[in-house]
Protein backbone atom coordinates (compact mmCIF):
# COMPACT_ATOMS: atom_id res chain seq x y z
CA MET A 1 -18.41 15.50 -15.70
CA ASP A 2 -18.81 13.67 -18.83
CA ILE A 3 -19.00 9.72 -19.04
CA GLY A 4 -15.64 9.76 -20.59
CA SER A 5 -14.33 11.49 -17.46
CA ILE A 6 -15.77 9.11 -15.28
CA GLY A 7 -14.32 6.15 -17.29
CA ARG A 8 -10.76 7.60 -17.17
CA ILE A 9 -10.75 8.17 -13.29
CA LEU A 10 -12.13 4.50 -12.97
CA LEU A 11 -9.34 3.25 -15.41
CA ILE A 12 -6.55 4.93 -13.48
CA ALA A 13 -7.79 4.10 -10.47
CA GLY A 14 -8.14 0.30 -11.43
CA VAL A 15 -4.78 0.28 -12.69
CA VAL A 16 -3.60 2.04 -9.32
CA VAL A 17 -5.31 -0.61 -7.08
CA ALA A 18 -3.65 -3.37 -9.57
CA VAL A 19 -0.34 -1.70 -8.91
CA ILE A 20 -0.61 -1.54 -5.08
CA GLY A 21 -1.77 -5.48 -5.04
CA GLY A 22 1.21 -6.36 -6.70
CA ALA A 23 3.29 -4.27 -4.57
CA LEU A 24 1.73 -6.09 -1.65
CA LEU A 25 2.35 -9.63 -3.41
CA LEU A 26 5.91 -8.73 -3.54
CA LEU A 27 6.26 -7.23 -0.32
CA ALA A 28 4.66 -10.60 1.22
CA ARG A 29 7.82 -12.38 0.16
CA ILE A 30 10.37 -10.31 1.50
CA PRO A 31 11.01 -11.77 4.74
CA LEU A 32 12.13 -8.36 6.41
CA PHE A 33 8.58 -7.28 5.83
CA GLY A 34 6.20 -8.03 9.05
CA ASN A 35 9.62 -8.89 11.09
CA LEU A 36 10.98 -5.09 11.48
CA PRO A 37 11.95 -3.78 15.14
CA GLY A 38 9.03 -2.04 16.25
CA ASP A 39 6.51 -4.64 15.04
CA ILE A 40 4.47 -6.25 18.06
CA ARG A 41 4.02 -9.53 18.30
CA ILE A 42 2.18 -11.12 21.57
CA GLU A 43 1.63 -14.65 21.78
CA GLY A 44 -0.01 -16.13 25.06
CA GLN A 45 -2.55 -19.19 25.29
CA GLY A 46 -4.92 -19.78 23.02
CA PHE A 47 -4.10 -16.84 21.58
CA SER A 48 -1.71 -14.05 19.38
CA CYS A 49 -1.69 -10.45 18.57
CA PHE A 50 0.66 -9.17 15.99
CA VAL A 51 0.65 -5.17 15.41
CA PRO A 52 2.74 -4.21 12.67
CA ILE A 53 4.03 -0.85 13.59
CA ALA A 54 7.28 -0.50 12.01
CA SER A 55 6.08 -2.29 8.54
CA MET A 56 3.02 -0.05 8.35
CA ILE A 57 4.85 3.60 8.98
CA VAL A 58 6.94 1.76 6.00
CA LEU A 59 4.42 0.94 3.69
CA SER A 60 2.62 4.20 4.33
CA ILE A 61 6.15 6.44 3.11
CA ILE A 62 6.16 4.07 0.12
CA LEU A 63 2.59 4.74 -0.81
CA THR A 64 2.67 8.28 0.18
CA VAL A 65 5.52 8.92 -2.55
CA VAL A 66 3.70 6.74 -4.72
CA LEU A 67 0.71 8.40 -4.72
CA ASN A 68 2.19 12.01 -4.38
CA PHE A 69 4.32 10.99 -8.30
CA VAL A 70 0.43 9.92 -9.72
CA VAL A 71 -0.78 12.89 -8.58
CA ARG A 72 1.87 14.81 -10.10
CA PHE A 73 1.50 13.15 -13.27
CA ILE A 74 -1.98 13.75 -13.28
CA ASN A 75 -2.18 17.35 -12.88
CA ARG A 76 0.71 18.01 -15.72
CA GLN A 77 -2.02 16.87 -18.20
């Protein structure tokens, strides 16, 4: 593997990370995300625990679809 291939892979990985970061910033503005049915929130005296099960399942499905498109695009070339 030559330097050019490594550079191309790093560039693509950087773009993917930037897109995922932008998507997470946009998801933070959606009030429904994090408050879906299936997200567990336990609050007691002096502690709180938040387990976003449903939100993580939705995020996993979205990322799976996006990464499948990216892999198919890369394999075409």
